Amino acid sequence: MARLGNQSKSYIMTRLLSITLLLSACATVDTAAPADSGQEAARTQWVYNSDLQVSRPPYEAVHCNWKDRIDQAYVYLENLGPYKDTGALIPEVHRLLAQQGIQPSGPPFGLYYDDPSAVKSDRLRSRACVPVGAWTKPAPPLQKEELPSRTVAYAVASGPYPGVPGCYPGIFGYMAKMNWVIAGPIREIYMIPPSEVEGYESLLCEVQVPVARQ
């Protein structure tokens, strides 16, 4: 992974494009059981609590902290190519989960492995992910893995999801002060579907950056 000094505007602009698709992706997410299960469709509301102050657009002040993230089992579809395609896969992950009768255990998230300023667009690696119980056994094309416990620098951003990368410079600046570098894929957790709120100012996204000492 690139050091903080190599983070570029192109990275943030590429993330803007990918999260734009999540506006429609999150809006269509449904945790309903398959129609033949006889269960009534139900939409799950995830309750999000954080003691970290929310950072708000235009992110002139970004409130950051660090924490030890716990292990998290998740299912995913892999994307090799432009990050703008990653968000479009999230509804498909939910559709496949419902088809297999598997209930998500939390809100969807994206994992982004490469710096677009250093890796060609068609070689960028990312995953569209949904957390599940550790005992879950999904069928292909879904794959399952465990996100390992790690120390992460993080911030909680409000506002439209396409604008969330605006908080990245604040997180990177916090990491530089702590003498930390990126040590794994960046995780963006989309806490609230846009269809569930009256205004985009109510949306929340937690950005987690795994860290290590320089």
C-alpha atoms as a PDB file:
ATOM      1  CA  MET A   1       0.000   0.000   0.000  1.00  0.00           C
ATOM      2  CA  ALA A   2       1.135   3.566  -0.684  1.00  0.00           C
ATOM      3  CA  ARG A   3       2.412   5.772   2.090  1.00  0.00           C
ATOM      4  CA  LEU A   4       0.384   8.823   3.076  1.00  0.00           C
ATOM      5  CA  GLY A   5       2.600  11.121   1.054  1.00  0.00           C
ATOM      6  CA  ASN A   6       1.545   9.330  -2.125  1.00  0.00           C
ATOM      7  CA  GLN A   7      -2.192   9.824  -1.635  1.00  0.00           C
ATOM      8  CA  SER A   8      -3.471  11.903  -4.524  1.00  0.00           C
ATOM      9  CA  LYS A   9      -6.482  13.802  -5.745  1.00  0.00           C
ATOM     10  CA  SER A  10      -7.052  11.065  -8.314  1.00  0.00           C
ATOM     11  CA  TYR A  11      -7.739   8.597  -5.487  1.00  0.00           C
ATOM     12  CA  ILE A  12     -10.425  10.812  -3.993  1.00  0.00           C
ATOM     13  CA  MET A  13     -12.018  11.538  -7.384  1.00  0.00           C
ATOM     14  CA  THR A  14     -12.147   7.811  -8.197  1.00  0.00           C
ATOM     15  CA  ARG A  15     -13.839   7.115  -4.871  1.00  0.00           C
ATOM     16  CA  LEU A  16     -16.375   9.850  -5.612  1.00  0.00           C
ATOM     17  CA  LEU A  17     -17.397   7.969  -8.742  1.00  0.00           C
ATOM     18  CA  SER A  18     -17.708   4.621  -6.983  1.00  0.00           C
ATOM     19  CA  ILE A  19     -19.824   5.926  -4.109  1.00  0.00           C
ATOM     20  CA  THR A  20     -22.162   7.712  -6.495  1.00  0.00           C
ATOM     21  CA  LEU A  21     -23.403   4.285  -7.564  1.00  0.00           C
ATOM     22  CA  LEU A  22     -24.006   3.391  -3.911  1.00  0.00           C
ATOM     23  CA  LEU A  23     -26.815   5.941  -3.758  1.00  0.00           C
ATOM     24  CA  SER A  24     -28.888   3.669  -5.968  1.00  0.00           C
ATOM     25  CA  ALA A  25     -27.341   0.508  -4.559  1.00  0.00           C
ATOM     26  CA  CYS A  26     -28.265   1.222  -0.954  1.00  0.00           C
ATOM     27  CA  ALA A  27     -31.685   2.466  -1.960  1.00  0.00           C
ATOM     28  CA  THR A  28     -32.566  -0.936  -3.419  1.00  0.00           C
ATOM     29  CA  VAL A  29     -31.095  -3.086  -0.647  1.00  0.00           C
ATOM     30  CA  ASP A  30     -33.719  -5.300   0.969  1.00  0.00           C
ATOM     31  CA  THR A  31     -33.074  -7.921   3.633  1.00  0.00           C
ATOM     32  CA  ALA A  32     -36.280  -9.785   2.863  1.00  0.00           C
ATOM     33  CA  ALA A  33     -36.325 -13.579   2.874  1.00  0.00           C
ATOM     34  CA  PRO A  34     -36.972 -15.362  -0.432  1.00  0.00           C
ATOM     35  CA  ALA A  35     -40.589 -15.273  -1.589  1.00  0.00           C
ATOM     36  CA  ASP A  36     -40.980 -19.055  -1.268  1.00  0.00           C
ATOM     37  CA  SER A  37     -39.979 -19.012   2.413  1.00  0.00           C
ATOM     38  CA  GLY A  38     -43.415 -17.849   3.452  1.00  0.00           C
ATOM     39  CA  GLN A  39     -41.898 -15.034   5.527  1.00  0.00           C
ATOM     40  CA  GLU A  40     -43.105 -11.493   5.161  1.00  0.00           C
ATOM     41  CA  ALA A  41     -40.579  -9.126   3.592  1.00  0.00           C
ATOM     42  CA  ALA A  42     -38.951  -6.869   6.163  1.00  0.00           C
ATOM     43  CA  ARG A  43     -36.393  -4.137   5.973  1.00  0.00           C
ATOM     44  CA  THR A  44     -33.738  -4.131   8.691  1.00  0.00           C
ATOM     45  CA  GLN A  45     -32.779  -0.912  10.430  1.00  0.00           C
ATOM     46  CA  TRP A  46     -29.217  -0.990  11.739  1.00  0.00           C
ATOM     47  CA  VAL A  47     -28.682   1.097  14.862  1.00  0.00           C
ATOM     48  CA  TYR A  48     -25.373   2.958  14.742  1.00  0.00           C
ATOM     49  CA  ASN A  49     -23.748   4.331  17.869  1.00  0.00           C
ATOM     50  CA  SER A  50     -20.371   6.067  18.023  1.00  0.00           C
ATOM     51  CA  ASP A  51     -18.709   8.255  20.623  1.00  0.00           C
ATOM     52  CA  LEU A  52     -16.806  10.000  17.819  1.00  0.00           C
ATOM     53  CA  GLN A  53     -18.133  13.381  16.725  1.00  0.00           C
ATOM     54  CA  VAL A  54     -19.669  13.276  13.253  1.00  0.00           C
ATOM     55  CA  SER A  55     -17.732  15.119  10.521  1.00  0.00           C
ATOM     56  CA  ARG A  56     -19.976  17.173   8.262  1.00  0.00           C
ATOM     57  CA  PRO A  57     -19.574  18.587   4.755  1.00  0.00           C
ATOM     58  CA  PRO A  58     -17.537  20.361   3.500  1.00  0.00           C
ATOM     59  CA  TYR A  59     -15.247  18.504   5.954  1.00  0.00           C
ATOM     60  CA  GLU A  60     -13.145  21.507   6.898  1.00  0.00           C
ATOM     61  CA  ALA A  61     -12.871  19.811  10.296  1.00  0.00           C
ATOM     62  CA  VAL A  62     -12.612  16.013  10.298  1.00  0.00           C
ATOM     63  CA  HIS A  63     -12.904  14.329  13.680  1.00  0.00           C
ATOM     64  CA  CYS A  64     -10.704  11.232  13.818  1.00  0.00           C
ATOM     65  CA  ASN A  65      -9.727   8.614  16.319  1.00  0.00           C
ATOM     66  CA  TRP A  66      -8.393   5.072  16.363  1.00  0.00           C
ATOM     67  CA  LYS A  67      -9.813   1.797  17.609  1.00  0.00           C
ATOM     68  CA  ASP A  68      -9.198  -1.935  17.508  1.00  0.00           C
ATOM     69  CA  ARG A  69     -11.654  -3.404  15.020  1.00  0.00           C
ATOM     70  CA  ILE A  70     -12.987  -6.874  15.851  1.00  0.00           C
ATOM     71  CA  ASP A  71     -13.108  -9.830  13.441  1.00  0.00           C
ATOM     72  CA  GLN A  72     -16.022  -9.707  10.991  1.00  0.00           C
ATOM     73  CA  ALA A  73     -17.250 -12.514   8.739  1.00  0.00           C
ATOM     74  CA  TYR A  74     -18.601 -11.279   5.412  1.00  0.00           C
ATOM     75  CA  VAL A  75     -19.685 -12.426   1.985  1.00  0.00           C
ATOM     76  CA  TYR A  76     -18.648 -10.589  -1.137  1.00  0.00           C
ATOM     77  CA  LEU A  77     -18.423 -10.277  -4.871  1.00  0.00           C
ATOM     78  CA  GLU A  78     -15.024  -9.309  -6.169  1.00  0.00           C
ATOM     79  CA  ASN A  79     -14.441  -6.511  -8.644  1.00  0.00           C
ATOM     80  CA  LEU A  80     -11.324  -6.186 -10.780  1.00  0.00           C
ATOM     81  CA  GLY A  81     -11.505  -2.881 -12.584  1.00  0.00           C
ATOM     82  CA  PRO A  82     -12.706   0.683 -11.983  1.00  0.00           C
ATOM     83  CA  TYR A  83     -13.906   1.421  -8.471  1.00  0.00           C
ATOM     84  CA  LYS A  84     -17.043   2.993  -9.932  1.00  0.00           C
ATOM     85  CA  ASP A  85     -18.298  -0.558 -10.620  1.00  0.00           C
ATOM     86  CA  THR A  86     -17.995  -1.745  -7.013  1.00  0.00           C
ATOM     87  CA  GLY A  87     -21.083  -0.061  -5.618  1.00  0.00           C
ATOM     88  CA  ALA A  88     -23.275  -1.522  -8.347  1.00  0.00           C
ATOM     89  CA  LEU A  89     -22.486  -5.033  -7.021  1.00  0.00           C
ATOM     90  CA  ILE A  90     -23.966  -4.468  -3.554  1.00  0.00           C
ATOM     91  CA  PRO A  91     -27.615  -5.021  -4.599  1.00  0.00           C
ATOM     92  CA  GLU A  92     -26.533  -8.260  -6.280  1.00  0.00           C
ATOM     93  CA  VAL A  93     -24.875  -9.453  -3.059  1.00  0.00           C
ATOM     94  CA  HIS A  94     -28.127  -8.794  -1.186  1.00  0.00           C
ATOM     95  CA  ARG A  95     -30.181 -10.498  -3.879  1.00  0.00           C
ATOM     96  CA  LEU A  96     -28.026 -13.621  -3.709  1.00  0.00           C
ATOM     97  CA  LEU A  97     -28.169 -13.661   0.088  1.00  0.00           C
ATOM     98  CA  ALA A  98     -31.969 -13.472   0.024  1.00  0.00           C
ATOM     99  CA  GLN A  99     -32.076 -16.204  -2.623  1.00  0.00           C
ATOM    100  CA  GLN A 100     -29.997 -18.442  -0.343  1.00  0.00           C
ATOM    101  CA  GLY A 101     -32.027 -17.577   2.757  1.00  0.00           C
ATOM    102  CA  ILE A 102     -29.107 -15.871   4.493  1.00  0.00           C
ATOM    103  CA  GLN A 103     -29.739 -12.818   6.655  1.00  0.00           C
ATOM    104  CA  PRO A 104     -27.152 -10.001   6.749  1.00  0.00           C
ATOM    105  CA  SER A 105     -25.796  -9.128  10.177  1.00  0.00           C
ATOM    106  CA  GLY A 106     -25.073  -5.469   9.429  1.00  0.00           C
ATOM    107  CA  PRO A 107     -24.913  -2.750   6.789  1.00  0.00           C
ATOM    108  CA  PRO A 108     -22.988  -3.198   3.526  1.00  0.00           C
ATOM    109  CA  PHE A 109     -19.434  -2.007   3.045  1.00  0.00           C
ATOM    110  CA  GLY A 110     -16.800  -1.708   0.369  1.00  0.00           C
ATOM    111  CA  LEU A 111     -13.153  -2.765   0.579  1.00  0.00           C
ATOM    112  CA  TYR A 112     -10.697  -0.895  -1.645  1.00  0.00           C
ATOM    113  CA  TYR A 113      -7.220  -2.365  -1.980  1.00  0.00           C
ATOM    114  CA  ASP A 114      -5.281  -0.143  -4.376  1.00  0.00           C
ATOM    115  CA  ASP A 115      -4.328   3.485  -4.921  1.00  0.00           C
ATOM    116  CA  PRO A 116      -5.711   4.505  -8.345  1.00  0.00           C
ATOM    117  CA  SER A 117      -2.763   6.864  -8.821  1.00  0.00           C
ATOM    118  CA  ALA A 118      -0.392   3.876  -8.716  1.00  0.00           C
ATOM    119  CA  VAL A 119      -2.480   1.081 -10.276  1.00  0.00           C
ATOM    120  CA  LYS A 120      -4.105   1.028 -13.712  1.00  0.00           C
ATOM    121  CA  SER A 121      -7.884   1.332 -13.706  1.00  0.00           C
ATOM    122  CA  ASP A 122      -8.478  -2.166 -15.096  1.00  0.00           C
ATOM    123  CA  ARG A 123      -6.287  -3.702 -12.356  1.00  0.00           C
ATOM    124  CA  LEU A 124      -7.891  -2.065  -9.321  1.00  0.00           C
ATOM    125  CA  ARG A 125      -9.031  -4.586  -6.698  1.00  0.00           C
ATOM    126  CA  SER A 126     -12.146  -4.089  -4.601  1.00  0.00           C
ATOM    127  CA  ARG A 127     -14.981  -6.028  -2.983  1.00  0.00           C
ATOM    128  CA  ALA A 128     -18.682  -5.355  -2.476  1.00  0.00           C
ATOM    129  CA  CYS A 129     -19.368  -6.822   0.968  1.00  0.00           C
ATOM    130  CA  VAL A 130     -22.187  -7.656   3.362  1.00  0.00           C
ATOM    131  CA  PRO A 131     -21.473  -8.896   6.927  1.00  0.00           C
ATOM    132  CA  VAL A 132     -22.944 -12.258   7.985  1.00  0.00           C
ATOM    133  CA  GLY A 133     -22.781 -14.673  10.883  1.00  0.00           C
ATOM    134  CA  ALA A 134     -19.559 -16.638  11.295  1.00  0.00           C
ATOM    135  CA  TRP A 135     -21.453 -19.914  10.729  1.00  0.00           C
ATOM    136  CA  THR A 136     -22.801 -18.840   7.334  1.00  0.00           C
ATOM    137  CA  LYS A 137     -22.035 -21.080   4.341  1.00  0.00           C
ATOM    138  CA  PRO A 138     -22.864 -19.186   1.145  1.00  0.00           C
ATOM    139  CA  ALA A 139     -23.041 -20.798  -2.269  1.00  0.00           C
ATOM    140  CA  PRO A 140     -21.182 -19.485  -5.338  1.00  0.00           C
ATOM    141  CA  PRO A 141     -20.855 -16.957  -6.801  1.00  0.00           C
ATOM    142  CA  LEU A 142     -20.771 -15.474  -3.288  1.00  0.00           C
ATOM    143  CA  GLN A 143     -17.498 -15.935  -1.466  1.00  0.00           C
ATOM    144  CA  LYS A 144     -16.918 -15.705   2.257  1.00  0.00           C
ATOM    145  CA  GLU A 145     -13.989 -14.381   4.237  1.00  0.00           C
ATOM    146  CA  GLU A 146     -13.211 -12.854   7.617  1.00  0.00           C
ATOM    147  CA  LEU A 147     -12.096  -9.281   7.972  1.00  0.00           C
ATOM    148  CA  PRO A 148      -9.353  -9.583  10.606  1.00  0.00           C
ATOM    149  CA  SER A 149      -9.127  -7.535  13.756  1.00  0.00           C
ATOM    150  CA  ARG A 150      -6.876  -4.538  13.193  1.00  0.00           C
ATOM    151  CA  THR A 151      -6.091  -1.120  14.598  1.00  0.00           C
ATOM    152  CA  VAL A 152      -7.816   1.412  12.355  1.00  0.00           C
ATOM    153  CA  ALA A 153      -7.947   5.167  12.071  1.00  0.00           C
ATOM    154  CA  TYR A 154     -11.511   6.186  11.427  1.00  0.00           C
ATOM    155  CA  ALA A 155     -13.987   8.997  10.969  1.00  0.00           C
ATOM    156  CA  VAL A 156     -17.782   9.172  10.744  1.00  0.00           C
ATOM    157  CA  ALA A 157     -18.974  11.291   7.832  1.00  0.00           C
ATOM    158  CA  SER A 158     -22.473  12.611   7.264  1.00  0.00           C
ATOM    159  CA  GLY A 159     -24.030  13.896   4.079  1.00  0.00           C
ATOM    160  CA  PRO A 160     -24.488  12.423   0.599  1.00  0.00           C
ATOM    161  CA  TYR A 161     -22.333   9.349   0.091  1.00  0.00           C
ATOM    162  CA  PRO A 162     -20.731  10.707  -3.105  1.00  0.00           C
ATOM    163  CA  GLY A 163     -19.143  13.426  -0.968  1.00  0.00           C
ATOM    164  CA  VAL A 164     -17.655  11.134   1.691  1.00  0.00           C
ATOM    165  CA  PRO A 165     -14.147  11.053   0.132  1.00  0.00           C
ATOM    166  CA  GLY A 166     -13.941  14.717   1.048  1.00  0.00           C
ATOM    167  CA  CYS A 167     -13.096  13.559   4.586  1.00  0.00           C
ATOM    168  CA  TYR A 168     -10.129  11.438   3.442  1.00  0.00           C
ATOM    169  CA  PRO A 169      -7.517  14.211   3.654  1.00  0.00           C
ATOM    170  CA  GLY A 170      -8.494  14.734   7.289  1.00  0.00           C
ATOM    171  CA  ILE A 171      -7.995  11.043   8.103  1.00  0.00           C
ATOM    172  CA  PHE A 172      -4.675  10.939   6.254  1.00  0.00           C
ATOM    173  CA  GLY A 173      -3.532  14.054   8.116  1.00  0.00           C
ATOM    174  CA  TYR A 174      -4.424  12.443  11.441  1.00  0.00           C
ATOM    175  CA  MET A 175      -2.460   9.353  10.451  1.00  0.00           C
ATOM    176  CA  ALA A 176       0.573  11.431   9.496  1.00  0.00           C
ATOM    177  CA  LYS A 177       0.551  13.042  12.952  1.00  0.00           C
ATOM    178  CA  MET A 178       0.463   9.565  14.506  1.00  0.00           C
ATOM    179  CA  ASN A 179       3.340   8.438  12.257  1.00  0.00           C
ATOM    180  CA  TRP A 180       1.105   5.772  10.694  1.00  0.00           C
ATOM    181  CA  VAL A 181       0.871   4.370   7.169  1.00  0.00           C
ATOM    182  CA  ILE A 182      -1.927   2.471   5.453  1.00  0.00           C
ATOM    183  CA  ALA A 183      -1.718  -1.253   6.239  1.00  0.00           C
ATOM    184  CA  GLY A 184      -4.650  -2.833   4.416  1.00  0.00           C
ATOM    185  CA  PRO A 185      -7.740  -2.110   2.336  1.00  0.00           C
ATOM    186  CA  ILE A 186      -9.785   0.960   3.170  1.00  0.00           C
ATOM    187  CA  ARG A 187     -13.242   0.046   4.438  1.00  0.00           C
ATOM    188  CA  GLU A 188     -16.287   2.256   3.877  1.00  0.00           C
ATOM    189  CA  ILE A 189     -19.409   1.219   5.812  1.00  0.00           C
ATOM    190  CA  TYR A 190     -22.668   2.650   4.456  1.00  0.00           C
ATOM    191  CA  MET A 191     -24.756   2.788   7.604  1.00  0.00           C
ATOM    192  CA  ILE A 192     -28.078   4.106   6.290  1.00  0.00           C
ATOM    193  CA  PRO A 193     -29.843   3.519   2.944  1.00  0.00           C
ATOM    194  CA  PRO A 194     -30.707   6.863   1.328  1.00  0.00           C
ATOM    195  CA  SER A 195     -34.278   5.607   0.871  1.00  0.00           C
ATOM    196  CA  GLU A 196     -34.699   5.522   4.674  1.00  0.00           C
ATOM    197  CA  VAL A 197     -34.072   9.230   5.344  1.00  0.00           C
ATOM    198  CA  GLU A 198     -35.846  12.457   4.452  1.00  0.00           C
ATOM    199  CA  GLY A 199     -32.615  14.301   3.713  1.00  0.00           C
ATOM    200  CA  TYR A 200     -29.100  13.223   2.779  1.00  0.00           C
ATOM    201  CA  GLU A 201     -27.715  15.119   5.782  1.00  0.00           C
ATOM    202  CA  SER A 202     -28.958  12.172   7.887  1.00  0.00           C
ATOM    203  CA  LEU A 203     -26.762   9.644   6.087  1.00  0.00           C
ATOM    204  CA  LEU A 204     -23.736   8.242   7.921  1.00  0.00           C
ATOM    205  CA  CYS A 205     -20.652   6.486   6.571  1.00  0.00           C
ATOM    206  CA  GLU A 206     -17.826   5.170   8.744  1.00  0.00           C
ATOM    207  CA  VAL A 207     -14.457   5.195   6.998  1.00  0.00           C
ATOM    208  CA  GLN A 208     -11.835   2.834   8.454  1.00  0.00           C
ATOM    209  CA  VAL A 209      -8.166   2.824   7.425  1.00  0.00           C
ATOM    210  CA  PRO A 210      -5.999  -0.027   8.826  1.00  0.00           C
ATOM    211  CA  VAL A 211      -2.748   1.417  10.143  1.00  0.00           C
ATOM    212  CA  ALA A 212       0.818   0.451  11.027  1.00  0.00           C
ATOM    213  CA  ARG A 213       3.860   2.351  12.247  1.00  0.00           C
ATOM    214  CA  GLN A 214       6.213   3.751   9.587  1.00  0.00           C
END
